[in-house]
Protein backbone atom coordinates (compact mmCIF):
# COMPACT_ATOMS: atom_id res chain seq x y z
CA MET A 1 -78.14 48.71 83.73
CA GLY A 2 -74.54 49.48 83.02
CA HIS A 3 -72.84 48.93 79.67
CA VAL A 4 -70.43 46.08 79.28
CA ASN A 5 -67.13 47.10 77.69
CA LEU A 6 -66.29 44.36 75.14
CA PRO A 7 -62.99 44.08 73.34
CA ALA A 8 -62.95 45.68 69.90
CA SER A 9 -62.85 42.30 68.19
CA LYS A 10 -66.10 41.23 69.92
CA ARG A 11 -68.24 44.29 69.32
CA VAL A 12 -71.34 44.03 67.12
CA GLY A 13 -71.72 46.80 64.54
CA GLY A 14 -69.34 49.71 64.66
CA PRO A 15 -67.56 51.85 62.05
CA ARG A 16 -65.09 49.21 60.78
CA GLN A 17 -67.81 46.72 59.69
CA TRP A 18 -69.80 49.39 57.78
CA ARG A 19 -66.67 50.53 55.92
CA LEU A 20 -66.10 46.95 54.67
CA LEU A 21 -69.68 46.66 53.43
CA ASP A 22 -69.34 49.96 51.60
CA VAL A 23 -66.27 48.70 49.78
CA VAL A 24 -67.90 45.42 48.79
CA THR A 25 -71.05 47.18 47.57
CA ALA A 26 -69.10 49.77 45.56
CA ALA A 27 -66.96 47.08 43.97
CA PHE A 28 -70.08 45.08 42.99
CA PHE A 29 -71.79 48.03 41.33
CA GLY A 30 -68.51 49.02 39.67
CA LEU A 31 -68.20 45.59 38.09
CA VAL A 32 -71.83 45.76 36.90
CA PHE A 33 -71.17 49.17 35.31
CA LEU A 34 -67.99 47.89 33.62
CA PHE A 35 -69.94 44.90 32.28
CA PHE A 36 -72.52 47.17 30.64
CA VAL A 37 -69.79 49.41 29.18
CA LEU A 38 -67.96 46.49 27.62
CA VAL A 39 -71.05 44.75 26.28
CA PHE A 40 -73.17 47.66 25.06
CA THR A 41 -70.68 50.32 23.87
CA SER A 42 -68.07 50.62 21.11
CA LEU A 43 -65.34 50.74 23.75
CA GLY A 44 -65.91 47.07 24.35
CA ASP A 45 -65.62 46.35 20.64
CA SER A 46 -62.38 48.26 20.32
CA LEU A 47 -60.90 46.62 23.40
CA ALA A 48 -61.93 43.23 22.09
CA ALA A 49 -60.37 43.98 18.72
CA SER A 50 -57.22 45.15 20.43
CA GLY A 51 -57.19 42.01 22.53
CA ARG A 52 -57.62 39.80 19.50
CA GLN A 53 -54.83 41.63 17.74
CA THR A 54 -52.56 41.28 20.75
CA LEU A 55 -53.49 37.60 21.00
CA ASN A 56 -52.69 37.05 17.33
CA LEU A 57 -49.34 38.76 17.68
CA SER A 58 -48.36 37.14 20.91
CA ALA A 59 -49.46 33.67 19.76
CA SER A 60 -47.61 34.08 16.50
CA ASP A 61 -44.72 31.69 16.12
CA PRO A 62 -42.05 32.94 13.66
CA LEU A 63 -41.28 29.33 12.69
CA ARG A 64 -44.91 28.28 12.25
CA ARG A 65 -45.31 29.61 8.72
CA PRO A 66 -42.30 27.77 7.26
CA ARG A 67 -43.33 24.60 9.13
CA VAL A 68 -46.89 24.75 7.78
CA SER A 69 -45.61 25.58 4.29
CA ALA A 70 -43.25 22.61 4.33
CA VAL A 71 -46.05 20.29 5.47
CA ILE A 72 -48.39 21.52 2.72
CA GLU A 73 -45.84 21.45 -0.10
CA ALA A 74 -44.75 17.96 0.96
CA GLY A 75 -48.30 16.81 0.21
CA GLN A 76 -49.34 16.03 3.77
CA PRO A 77 -53.06 16.68 4.37
CA HIS A 78 -53.50 20.11 5.90
CA VAL A 79 -56.30 22.66 5.52
CA ILE A 80 -55.47 26.22 6.53
CA GLU A 81 -57.83 27.47 9.20
CA ALA A 82 -60.27 30.35 8.79
CA CYS A 83 -59.58 33.80 10.20
CA PRO A 84 -62.07 35.25 12.72
CA ALA A 85 -65.37 36.64 11.40
CA ASP A 86 -64.32 40.25 12.06
CA THR A 87 -61.54 39.98 9.45
CA ALA A 88 -64.00 39.67 6.53
CA ASP A 89 -62.73 42.95 5.04
CA HIS A 90 -59.13 42.72 6.18
CA MET A 91 -56.46 44.51 4.14
CA PRO A 92 -53.07 43.70 5.68
CA CYS A 93 -51.22 46.77 4.34
CA GLU A 94 -54.08 49.22 4.88
CA ASP A 95 -55.07 48.33 8.44
CA PRO A 96 -56.36 51.44 10.27
CA ARG A 97 -55.70 49.89 13.68
CA LEU A 98 -51.99 49.60 12.92
CA ASN A 99 -51.45 52.57 10.63
CA SER A 100 -53.24 55.09 12.86
CA GLN A 101 -50.10 55.25 15.02
CA LEU A 102 -47.97 56.58 12.12
CA SER A 103 -47.18 60.16 11.12
CA ARG A 104 -50.00 62.35 9.74
CA GLU A 105 -47.56 64.43 7.70
CA MET A 106 -48.52 64.27 4.00
CA ASN A 107 -51.00 61.51 4.90
CA TYR A 108 -48.17 59.04 5.42
CA TYR A 109 -50.35 56.96 7.76
CA ARG A 110 -52.91 56.36 4.99
CA GLU A 111 -50.38 54.88 2.55
CA ARG A 112 -49.34 51.20 2.31
CA HIS A 113 -47.61 49.86 5.41
CA CYS A 114 -47.30 46.07 5.45
CA PRO A 115 -46.70 44.31 8.78
CA PRO A 116 -44.02 41.61 8.99
CA LEU A 117 -45.44 38.21 8.07
CA GLU A 118 -44.39 36.77 11.42
CA ASN A 119 -46.77 39.25 13.09
CA THR A 120 -49.81 38.08 11.14
CA PRO A 121 -51.81 34.87 11.48
CA LEU A 122 -51.77 32.35 8.64
CA CYS A 123 -55.48 31.95 7.91
CA LEU A 124 -58.11 32.35 5.19
CA VAL A 125 -60.26 35.49 5.25
CA PRO A 126 -63.93 34.44 5.49
CA PRO A 127 -66.84 36.01 3.63
CA PRO A 128 -69.30 38.05 5.71
CA ARG A 129 -72.48 36.47 7.02
CA GLY A 130 -75.11 36.28 4.29
CA TYR A 131 -72.59 36.56 1.43
CA LYS A 132 -73.96 35.75 -2.04
CA VAL A 133 -72.27 35.24 -5.38
CA SER A 134 -71.91 38.73 -6.86
CA VAL A 135 -74.46 40.26 -9.20
CA GLN A 136 -73.18 39.83 -12.75
CA TRP A 137 -72.11 42.53 -15.20
CA PRO A 138 -73.60 44.78 -16.56
CA GLU A 139 -76.42 44.65 -14.01
CA SER A 140 -73.82 45.08 -11.25
CA LEU A 141 -73.04 48.62 -12.42
CA HIS A 142 -76.43 49.61 -11.06
CA LYS A 143 -77.00 47.27 -8.11
CA ILE A 144 -75.13 44.88 -5.80
CA TRP A 145 -76.08 42.68 -2.85
CA HIS A 146 -76.29 44.63 0.41
CA SER A 147 -75.26 41.54 2.39
CA ASN A 148 -71.90 41.31 0.57
CA MET A 149 -70.74 44.56 2.19
CA PRO A 150 -73.39 45.69 4.67
CA TYR A 151 -72.03 49.17 5.27
CA ASN A 152 -74.61 51.94 5.12
CA LYS A 153 -72.38 54.92 5.84
CA ILE A 154 -72.04 56.19 2.26
CA ALA A 155 -75.72 55.57 1.49
CA ASP A 156 -76.71 57.51 4.63
CA ARG A 157 -74.33 60.42 4.03
CA LYS A 158 -74.23 60.65 0.23
CA GLY A 159 -77.57 59.23 -0.86
CA HIS A 160 -78.99 62.71 -1.54
CA GLN A 161 -76.11 63.29 -3.98
CA GLY A 162 -76.95 60.20 -6.02
CA TRP A 163 -73.99 58.07 -4.88
CA MET A 164 -75.96 55.05 -3.68
CA LYS A 165 -79.03 54.03 -1.69
CA ILE A 166 -80.52 50.96 -0.05
CA GLU A 167 -83.43 49.30 -1.83
CA GLY A 168 -84.61 45.97 -0.47
CA PRO A 169 -81.71 43.45 -0.48
CA TYR A 170 -79.61 45.69 -2.77
CA PHE A 171 -77.47 48.78 -2.84
CA ILE A 172 -78.63 50.83 -5.85
CA PHE A 173 -76.25 53.17 -7.71
CA PRO A 174 -78.08 56.01 -9.53
CA GLY A 175 -74.77 57.18 -11.02
CA GLY A 176 -74.38 60.48 -9.19
CA GLY A 177 -71.54 62.10 -7.30
CA THR A 178 -70.91 65.12 -5.10
CA MET A 179 -70.10 67.33 -8.11
CA PHE A 180 -72.57 65.62 -10.43
CA PRO A 181 -75.68 64.78 -8.34
CA ASP A 182 -77.77 64.62 -11.54
CA GLY A 183 -75.65 61.75 -12.82
CA ALA A 184 -72.26 60.98 -14.33
CA GLU A 185 -73.70 60.75 -17.84
CA GLN A 186 -74.74 64.41 -17.89
CA TYR A 187 -71.42 65.42 -16.36
CA ILE A 188 -69.45 63.47 -18.99
CA GLU A 189 -71.60 65.06 -21.70
CA LYS A 190 -70.67 68.49 -20.34
CA LEU A 191 -66.95 67.62 -20.37
CA GLY A 192 -67.38 66.48 -23.95
CA GLN A 193 -67.98 70.09 -24.96
CA TYR A 194 -64.30 70.77 -24.24
CA ILE A 195 -62.55 67.37 -24.45
CA PRO A 196 -62.61 64.73 -27.23
CA MET A 197 -64.47 62.10 -25.19
CA ASN A 198 -65.45 60.13 -28.30
CA GLY A 199 -63.59 58.77 -31.28
CA GLY A 200 -60.79 56.91 -29.53
CA VAL A 201 -58.49 59.92 -28.97
CA LEU A 202 -58.62 59.29 -25.21
CA ARG A 203 -58.42 55.78 -23.84
CA THR A 204 -56.79 55.61 -20.37
CA ALA A 205 -58.03 57.78 -17.49
CA LEU A 206 -57.20 58.19 -13.81
CA ASP A 207 -59.95 59.18 -11.35
CA MET A 208 -58.48 60.41 -8.07
CA GLY A 209 -60.57 60.17 -4.91
CA CYS A 210 -63.21 58.37 -6.94
CA GLY A 211 -65.97 57.63 -4.43
CA VAL A 212 -67.90 54.59 -5.70
CA ALA A 213 -66.38 55.11 -9.20
CA SER A 214 -69.53 56.12 -11.10
CA PHE A 215 -67.44 58.47 -13.27
CA GLY A 216 -65.21 55.61 -14.40
CA GLY A 217 -68.15 53.26 -14.73
CA TYR A 218 -70.00 55.52 -17.15
CA LEU A 219 -66.87 56.40 -19.12
CA LEU A 220 -66.81 52.79 -20.29
CA ALA A 221 -69.60 53.68 -22.72
CA GLN A 222 -67.09 56.02 -24.41
CA ASN A 223 -64.48 53.22 -24.59
CA ILE A 224 -62.41 55.08 -22.00
CA LEU A 225 -60.85 52.73 -19.44
CA THR A 226 -60.50 54.41 -16.04
CA MET A 227 -58.32 53.46 -13.11
CA SER A 228 -60.25 54.77 -10.10
CA PHE A 229 -58.46 55.06 -6.77
CA ALA A 230 -59.10 56.24 -3.24
CA PRO A 231 -57.60 55.47 0.17
CA ARG A 232 -59.17 53.32 2.81
CA ASP A 233 -60.77 56.15 4.77
CA SER A 234 -63.77 57.08 6.91
CA HIS A 235 -66.14 55.96 4.15
CA LYS A 236 -64.55 52.55 4.70
CA SER A 237 -65.57 50.72 1.56
CA GLN A 238 -65.78 53.04 -1.46
CA ILE A 239 -63.23 51.02 -3.50
CA GLN A 240 -64.88 47.79 -2.35
CA PHE A 241 -68.20 49.07 -3.68
CA ALA A 242 -66.56 50.07 -6.97
CA LEU A 243 -65.03 46.63 -7.51
CA GLU A 244 -68.22 44.84 -6.51
CA ARG A 245 -69.90 46.90 -9.26
CA GLY A 246 -67.35 45.61 -11.79
CA VAL A 247 -65.56 48.95 -12.23
CA PRO A 248 -61.72 49.08 -12.31
CA ALA A 249 -60.50 50.39 -8.95
CA PHE A 250 -57.52 50.28 -6.60
CA VAL A 251 -56.78 51.34 -3.02
CA ALA A 252 -54.10 54.06 -2.97
CA MET A 253 -53.22 57.35 -1.32
CA LEU A 254 -51.36 60.27 -2.85
CA GLY A 255 -49.15 61.00 0.14
CA THR A 256 -45.35 60.81 0.35
CA ARG A 257 -44.69 58.42 -2.55
CA ARG A 258 -45.28 58.19 -6.26
CA LEU A 259 -48.39 56.29 -7.23
CA PRO A 260 -47.52 52.81 -8.64
CA PHE A 261 -48.08 53.75 -12.28
CA PRO A 262 -45.63 54.53 -15.10
CA ALA A 263 -44.84 57.99 -16.43
CA PHE A 264 -47.15 59.47 -19.07
CA GLY A 265 -49.65 56.60 -18.85
CA PHE A 266 -52.97 58.41 -18.57
CA ASP A 267 -54.64 60.41 -21.35
CA LEU A 268 -57.03 62.02 -18.84
CA VAL A 269 -56.63 62.74 -15.13
CA HIS A 270 -59.80 63.64 -13.22
CA CYS A 271 -60.52 64.90 -9.72
CA SER A 272 -64.09 65.49 -8.57
CA ARG A 273 -63.94 66.94 -5.09
CA CYS A 274 -60.95 64.71 -4.38
CA LEU A 275 -59.65 67.38 -1.94
CA ILE A 276 -56.01 66.77 -2.91
CA PRO A 277 -53.99 69.88 -1.97
CA PHE A 278 -52.29 70.13 -5.36
CA THR A 279 -50.20 73.19 -4.51
CA ALA A 280 -49.03 72.07 -1.05
CA TYR A 281 -45.42 71.03 -0.38
CA ASN A 282 -44.11 73.11 -3.31
CA ALA A 283 -46.78 71.69 -5.61
CA SER A 284 -45.52 68.10 -5.09
CA TYR A 285 -48.95 66.61 -5.83
CA PHE A 286 -49.43 68.62 -9.02
CA ILE A 287 -45.95 67.49 -10.10
CA GLU A 288 -46.96 63.85 -9.53
CA VAL A 289 -50.12 64.33 -11.60
CA ASP A 290 -47.93 65.86 -14.33
CA ARG A 291 -45.68 62.76 -14.25
CA LEU A 292 -48.68 60.50 -14.78
CA LEU A 293 -50.43 62.60 -17.45
CA ARG A 294 -49.54 61.85 -21.06
CA PRO A 295 -48.21 64.88 -22.98
CA GLY A 296 -51.15 66.48 -24.77
CA GLY A 297 -53.52 64.95 -22.20
CA TYR A 298 -56.22 66.65 -20.15
CA LEU A 299 -56.49 67.50 -16.45
CA VAL A 300 -59.99 68.07 -15.03
CA ILE A 301 -60.57 69.34 -11.48
CA SER A 302 -64.13 69.80 -10.20
CA GLY A 303 -64.91 71.23 -6.80
CA PRO A 304 -62.68 73.00 -4.30
CA PRO A 305 -60.78 75.18 -4.81
CA VAL A 306 -62.11 76.00 -8.30
CA GLN A 307 -64.09 79.23 -7.89
CA TRP A 308 -65.03 78.00 -4.44
CA PRO A 309 -66.20 80.28 -1.60
CA LYS A 310 -63.44 81.31 0.80
CA GLN A 311 -60.75 79.53 -1.23
CA ASP A 312 -59.57 82.39 -3.43
CA LYS A 313 -55.93 81.93 -2.39
CA GLU A 314 -55.95 78.18 -3.10
CA TRP A 315 -57.62 78.74 -6.49
CA SER A 316 -55.10 81.44 -7.37
CA ASP A 317 -52.19 79.16 -6.42
CA LEU A 318 -53.60 76.29 -8.49
CA GLN A 319 -53.79 78.50 -11.56
CA ALA A 320 -50.26 79.76 -10.91
CA VAL A 321 -48.83 76.22 -10.88
CA ALA A 322 -50.63 75.35 -14.10
CA ARG A 323 -49.24 78.51 -15.75
CA ALA A 324 -45.73 77.72 -14.52
CA LEU A 325 -45.96 74.35 -16.30
CA CYS A 326 -47.43 75.98 -19.42
CA TYR A 327 -50.69 74.05 -19.20
CA GLU A 328 -53.23 75.45 -21.66
CA LEU A 329 -56.45 76.61 -19.98
CA ILE A 330 -59.28 75.04 -21.98
CA ALA A 331 -62.26 76.14 -19.87
CA VAL A 332 -63.52 77.18 -16.45
CA ASP A 333 -67.15 76.07 -16.26
CA GLY A 334 -68.65 76.82 -12.87
CA ASN A 335 -66.58 74.86 -10.35
CA THR A 336 -64.83 72.79 -13.04
CA VAL A 337 -61.52 73.68 -14.66
CA ILE A 338 -59.98 71.89 -17.66
CA TRP A 339 -56.33 72.16 -18.67
CA LYS A 340 -54.32 70.57 -21.47
CA LYS A 341 -50.74 69.51 -20.85
CA PRO A 342 -48.15 70.72 -23.39
CA ALA A 343 -46.77 68.09 -25.74
CA ARG A 344 -43.15 69.22 -25.41
CA ASP A 345 -40.67 70.58 -22.85
CA MET A 346 -41.41 74.19 -23.73
CA CYS A 347 -41.77 75.97 -20.43
CA LEU A 348 -39.32 75.39 -17.61
CA PRO A 349 -37.01 76.78 -16.42
CA ASN A 350 -38.90 79.96 -15.62
CA GLN A 351 -39.43 82.25 -12.70
CA ASN A 352 -42.19 80.85 -10.50
CA GLU A 353 -43.07 81.19 -6.85
CA PHE A 354 -43.01 77.42 -6.26
CA GLY A 355 -39.39 76.92 -7.28
CA LEU A 356 -40.36 74.39 -9.93
CA GLY A 357 -37.57 73.04 -12.11
CA MET A 358 -36.94 70.15 -14.45
CA CYS A 359 -35.59 66.81 -13.24
CA ASP A 360 -32.06 66.04 -14.39
CA ASP A 361 -31.22 63.36 -16.93
CA SER A 362 -30.55 60.78 -14.20
CA ASP A 363 -34.21 60.71 -13.15
CA ASP A 364 -36.15 57.61 -14.21
CA PRO A 365 -39.81 58.72 -14.22
CA ASN A 366 -41.04 55.10 -14.35
CA LEU A 367 -39.62 54.21 -10.91
CA ALA A 368 -42.78 54.13 -8.83
CA TRP A 369 -42.70 51.28 -6.32
CA TYR A 370 -42.15 52.74 -2.84
CA PHE A 371 -40.47 55.70 -4.53
CA LYS A 372 -40.57 59.07 -2.78
CA LEU A 373 -42.23 62.01 -4.51
CA LYS A 374 -39.79 64.29 -6.29
CA LYS A 375 -39.91 68.07 -6.27
CA CYS A 376 -38.85 68.32 -9.91
CA VAL A 377 -40.90 68.10 -13.11
CA THR A 378 -40.46 65.05 -15.35
CA ARG A 379 -39.01 65.88 -18.76
CA VAL A 380 -41.19 64.83 -21.69
CA SER A 381 -37.93 64.30 -23.58
CA SER A 382 -36.79 61.75 -20.96
CA ILE A 383 -38.77 59.14 -22.89
CA LYS A 384 -38.13 58.80 -26.60
CA GLY A 385 -40.79 58.29 -29.25
CA GLU A 386 -44.19 59.58 -30.31
CA TYR A 387 -46.62 58.76 -27.53
CA THR A 388 -48.45 62.07 -27.01
CA VAL A 389 -52.22 62.39 -27.20
CA GLY A 390 -52.98 63.08 -30.83
CA THR A 391 -49.95 61.26 -32.22
CA ILE A 392 -50.36 57.88 -30.53
CA SER A 393 -52.76 55.58 -32.40
CA LYS A 394 -56.45 55.98 -31.61
CA TRP A 395 -58.39 53.25 -29.87
CA PRO A 396 -58.84 50.43 -30.83
CA GLU A 397 -55.88 50.51 -33.25
CA ARG A 398 -53.47 51.28 -30.41
CA LEU A 399 -54.25 47.90 -28.79
CA THR A 400 -52.25 46.06 -31.45
CA ALA A 401 -49.90 48.79 -32.74
CA PRO A 402 -46.38 48.08 -31.39
CA PRO A 403 -45.85 50.52 -28.47
CA VAL A 404 -42.86 52.81 -28.90
CA ARG A 405 -41.85 52.07 -25.33
CA SER A 406 -41.74 48.30 -25.93
CA THR A 407 -38.20 48.86 -27.24
CA ILE A 408 -36.97 48.86 -23.62
CA LEU A 409 -36.23 45.18 -24.25
CA LYS A 410 -33.80 43.87 -26.85
CA ASN A 411 -35.75 43.13 -30.04
CA GLY A 412 -38.76 44.54 -28.17
CA ALA A 413 -40.98 45.03 -31.23
CA ASP A 414 -40.49 41.41 -32.34
CA VAL A 415 -41.00 40.09 -28.81
CA TYR A 416 -44.16 42.18 -28.49
CA GLU A 417 -45.62 40.86 -31.75
CA ALA A 418 -44.86 37.23 -30.85
CA ASP A 419 -46.34 37.70 -27.37
CA THR A 420 -49.55 39.15 -28.82
CA LYS A 421 -50.05 36.21 -31.20
CA ARG A 422 -49.18 33.67 -28.50
CA TRP A 423 -51.90 34.93 -26.18
CA VAL A 424 -54.57 34.89 -28.87
CA ARG A 425 -53.89 31.16 -29.26
CA ARG A 426 -53.74 30.52 -25.53
CA VAL A 427 -56.97 32.34 -24.69
CA ALA A 428 -58.78 30.44 -27.44
CA PHE A 429 -57.51 27.21 -25.84
CA TYR A 430 -58.68 28.38 -22.39
CA LYS A 431 -62.20 28.95 -23.72
CA ASN A 432 -62.58 26.03 -26.10
CA SER A 433 -60.67 23.23 -24.40
CA LEU A 434 -60.47 24.15 -20.70
CA LYS A 435 -64.01 25.59 -20.63
CA ILE A 436 -62.98 28.61 -18.58
CA LYS A 437 -65.96 30.98 -18.50
CA LEU A 438 -64.16 33.88 -20.19
CA GLY A 439 -66.54 35.79 -22.42
CA THR A 440 -69.54 35.07 -20.16
CA PRO A 441 -71.19 37.29 -17.51
CA ALA A 442 -69.67 35.02 -14.82
CA ILE A 443 -66.27 36.76 -15.19
CA ARG A 444 -65.88 40.53 -15.01
CA ASN A 445 -62.91 41.53 -12.81
CA VAL A 446 -59.70 39.87 -14.04
CA MET A 447 -56.11 40.12 -12.82
CA ASP A 448 -52.94 39.11 -14.67
CA MET A 449 -50.25 38.80 -11.99
CA ASN A 450 -47.29 38.70 -14.37
CA ALA A 451 -48.52 40.75 -17.31
CA PHE A 452 -45.33 41.50 -19.32
CA PHE A 453 -46.73 43.37 -22.38
CA GLY A 454 -50.40 42.77 -21.50
CA GLY A 455 -50.90 40.13 -24.20
CA PHE A 456 -53.36 38.13 -22.09
CA ALA A 457 -55.50 41.24 -21.50
CA ALA A 458 -55.35 42.24 -25.17
CA ALA A 459 -56.63 38.80 -26.20
CA LEU A 460 -59.70 39.38 -23.97
CA ASN A 461 -60.59 42.69 -25.59
CA SER A 462 -63.87 41.43 -27.05
CA ASP A 463 -65.00 39.94 -23.70
CA PRO A 464 -67.07 41.86 -21.10
CA VAL A 465 -64.09 42.08 -18.73
CA TRP A 466 -61.47 44.52 -17.55
CA VAL A 467 -57.97 43.38 -16.60
CA MET A 468 -55.66 44.62 -13.86
CA ASN A 469 -52.24 44.08 -15.46
CA VAL A 470 -49.66 43.69 -12.71
CA VAL A 471 -45.98 44.10 -13.55
CA PRO A 472 -43.83 42.73 -10.69
CA SER A 473 -41.56 45.42 -9.30
CA HIS A 474 -38.42 43.25 -9.65
CA LYS A 475 -39.00 42.55 -13.37
CA PRO A 476 -38.44 44.70 -16.49
CA PRO A 477 -40.70 47.78 -16.22
CA THR A 478 -42.99 47.06 -19.17
CA LEU A 479 -46.05 48.73 -17.62
CA ASP A 480 -45.58 51.85 -19.77
CA ALA A 481 -46.00 49.74 -22.93
CA ILE A 482 -49.20 48.27 -21.45
CA PHE A 483 -50.61 51.78 -20.99
CA ASP A 484 -49.47 52.77 -24.48
CA ARG A 485 -51.64 50.03 -25.95
CA GLY A 486 -54.67 51.36 -24.04
CA LEU A 487 -54.71 48.97 -21.09
CA ILE A 488 -54.24 49.66 -17.37
CA GLY A 489 -52.31 48.14 -14.47
CA VAL A 490 -49.94 48.68 -11.55
CA TYR A 491 -46.50 47.79 -10.26
CA HIS A 492 -46.49 45.38 -7.32
CA ASN A 493 -44.21 43.13 -5.27
CA TRP A 494 -45.95 39.78 -4.82
CA CYS A 495 -44.09 39.13 -1.57
CA GLU A 496 -46.54 41.67 -0.10
CA PRO A 497 -50.35 41.76 -0.02
CA PHE A 498 -52.11 43.56 -2.86
CA SER A 499 -53.91 46.86 -2.25
CA THR A 500 -57.47 45.69 -2.65
CA TYR A 501 -60.30 44.43 -0.49
CA PRO A 502 -61.09 40.73 -0.09
CA ARG A 503 -63.27 39.02 -2.73
CA THR A 504 -62.72 41.50 -5.57
CA TYR A 505 -61.56 39.40 -8.57
CA ASP A 506 -63.47 36.76 -10.55
CA LEU A 507 -60.40 35.35 -12.30
CA ILE A 508 -56.70 35.54 -11.43
CA HIS A 509 -54.17 34.49 -14.07
CA VAL A 510 -50.44 33.97 -13.67
CA THR A 511 -47.67 32.69 -15.90
CA ASN A 512 -44.50 31.43 -14.19
CA ILE A 513 -45.73 31.83 -10.63
CA GLU A 514 -42.40 30.69 -9.18
CA SER A 515 -40.65 33.71 -10.71
CA LEU A 516 -42.79 35.95 -8.49
CA ILE A 517 -41.27 34.59 -5.31
CA LYS A 518 -37.67 33.97 -6.46
CA ASP A 519 -34.83 36.45 -6.54
CA PRO A 520 -33.71 36.67 -10.19
CA ALA A 521 -30.04 37.08 -9.23
CA SER A 522 -29.62 34.42 -6.56
CA ALA A 523 -32.55 32.15 -7.55
CA LYS A 524 -33.37 31.93 -3.83
CA ASN A 525 -36.92 32.34 -2.58
CA ARG A 526 -37.76 35.87 -1.53
CA CYS A 527 -41.00 34.66 0.03
CA ASN A 528 -43.24 31.62 0.24
CA LEU A 529 -45.67 29.98 -2.21
CA VAL A 530 -48.15 29.25 0.59
CA ASP A 531 -48.22 32.89 1.71
CA LEU A 532 -48.72 34.02 -1.89
CA MET A 533 -51.64 31.66 -2.49
CA VAL A 534 -53.27 32.60 0.82
CA GLU A 535 -53.16 36.19 -0.42
CA LEU A 536 -54.69 35.15 -3.75
CA ASP A 537 -57.47 33.43 -1.82
CA ARG A 538 -58.11 36.69 0.04
CA ILE A 539 -58.67 38.72 -3.14
CA LEU A 540 -60.48 36.02 -5.16
CA ARG A 541 -64.26 35.89 -5.07
CA PRO A 542 -65.96 32.67 -3.92
CA GLU A 543 -66.58 30.48 -6.99
CA GLY A 544 -63.85 32.48 -8.76
CA THR A 545 -61.18 30.91 -10.94
CA VAL A 546 -57.37 30.78 -10.78
CA VAL A 547 -55.30 29.85 -13.84
CA VAL A 548 -51.59 29.06 -13.30
CA ARG A 549 -49.03 28.19 -16.01
CA ASP A 550 -45.62 26.82 -15.01
CA THR A 551 -43.40 23.74 -15.17
CA PRO A 552 -44.98 20.40 -14.18
CA GLU A 553 -42.98 20.36 -10.94
CA VAL A 554 -44.17 23.80 -9.89
CA ILE A 555 -47.76 23.02 -10.89
CA GLU A 556 -47.70 19.96 -8.63
CA ARG A 557 -46.63 22.17 -5.72
CA VAL A 558 -49.34 24.71 -6.57
CA ALA A 559 -51.95 21.93 -6.62
CA ARG A 560 -50.94 20.79 -3.13
CA VAL A 561 -51.30 24.33 -1.79
CA ALA A 562 -54.61 24.72 -3.66
CA HIS A 563 -56.09 21.87 -1.61
CA ALA A 564 -54.84 23.53 1.59
CA VAL A 565 -56.66 26.80 0.75
CA ARG A 566 -59.86 24.87 -0.07
CA TRP A 567 -59.74 25.25 -3.86
CA LYS A 568 -60.70 22.55 -6.34
CA PRO A 569 -57.75 22.22 -8.78
CA THR A 570 -57.44 20.40 -12.09
CA ILE A 571 -54.19 20.02 -14.06
CA TYR A 572 -54.13 20.12 -17.86
CA ASN A 573 -51.53 19.77 -20.57
CA LYS A 574 -50.53 22.93 -22.43
CA GLU A 575 -51.80 23.90 -25.89
CA PRO A 576 -50.48 21.73 -28.75
CA GLU A 577 -48.81 24.79 -30.35
CA SER A 578 -46.92 25.85 -27.22
CA HIS A 579 -43.26 25.04 -26.74
CA GLY A 580 -41.41 24.27 -23.54
CA ARG A 581 -42.25 22.21 -20.47
CA GLU A 582 -45.46 23.67 -19.13
CA ASN A 583 -48.69 22.53 -17.51
CA ILE A 584 -51.82 24.52 -16.70
CA LEU A 585 -53.66 24.41 -13.38
CA VAL A 586 -57.26 25.64 -13.25
CA ALA A 587 -58.73 25.93 -9.76
CA THR A 588 -62.09 27.08 -8.40
CA LYS A 589 -62.45 28.73 -5.01
CA THR A 590 -65.24 27.12 -3.01
CA LEU A 591 -67.90 29.18 -1.23
CA TRP A 592 -67.37 28.18 2.40
CA LYS A 593 -68.70 29.92 5.46
CA LEU A 594 -67.76 30.06 9.12
């Protein structure tokens, strides 16, 4: 039987139909593969995060923030929404997703970089799932809730060195570190053979690249108050762990800028395997350490490059810089070196391979807010007075002795004395009349947002707290006087987020909150009260306390915003002895969950 020749469109089977089926089948299996990639791999997570970020940015309305702020401050009912669950540890100015695109030179990308407010959603950072009220001090030095920051990376990688380990529902901190796996206490005892760790000679210390801050935590037994810092890095949460333990800590990176501390503030500077290249960039990082170290103070470096295998050149260069600055070599003990800074300008200028020279008289060594590193050495003589280690009063006498550097203000000594007495009265009123839980284990980490001379912190000296004294960058630079009296703190601009993780302070205190957002020259707002209080909510622990002192009109505005951020505020009259028009707002942050 002969074949019938059908038109092409009528034929059954044939090459064209099988090609179409192949395409459909391949597309189906391709979609299935893509589904598994997105659901079961980290690529899906990163794409989702990127999508959320893009959504937040694209949905952001530049006029929304002022509209919401106006509604809230006008007293209209409005509760600010919660941020997504994956923002539980969000730090706006230290966001790896944004900062990873910046230059790697001198670790610029790991420094503070704050996005414009219009590019960020206005929302409240939520606690993580399973969050519990923090373990109280001093028990928290040794253990914290795992669920409050469920990140096992450090425990997995550093557990054998005594950093931390998981034990039931807790992270446990044995007190070790990379250079002191047998514990910080033994390490501190060894340093005490060369340095006066007891007796109040040393009071303020800086621990660079601090890990989980066990060194600073155990120095507290010697009455040495340590500011521990590290960047937000691959370990993710080392500063968060430190603060959850109740140890003073701060997120920072020694990169292209000065650290936000005053000149000659620290009696002791310590680096335990901090891996800072002190001699790089014409010894810029060593010069910054020298700016921060009080004359007559001690510099301790443990770990590379000190007598470290295959780092002979780096170790030789480090010693050469120290010699060029006339640092006295106290000891080299294994992989630990200890130097003492000279008390006077006795060394430079000299011939040195790093081209080190003294800064000229126009240099202000206390400028440290977004201030580029300098390649010159700060003159000890640039600051008048006796404030060297050995001549400054020992602790605790130095807490109340008028700081030499308080004379930056007119009648500074008298103002300082009046401020100290005023805060003794006010803190007594807080405890006795307002029933704020100062002096109890419920409050450990405290911040004073507008610290002036640190009078509030000084009045809490007998309480089991430490205080982060913040001196606003647009106000008189009194932070050096705060360090001189044996307290610690930072410069900061409150129109930007603070460099800390969420949920890190038990009590936040502020006097004259409106002055933090107003320009002192024009009296116009530099930023917004709502934005500021949303930031305070981010860094305040659930069930934490906020205390605000200001005029009755401002306090009313603060109370309206407090309701919007889900706090429970109460307004009180000021102390009977206080002068001026002032009310006090005390608010408690509620523990809410998504």
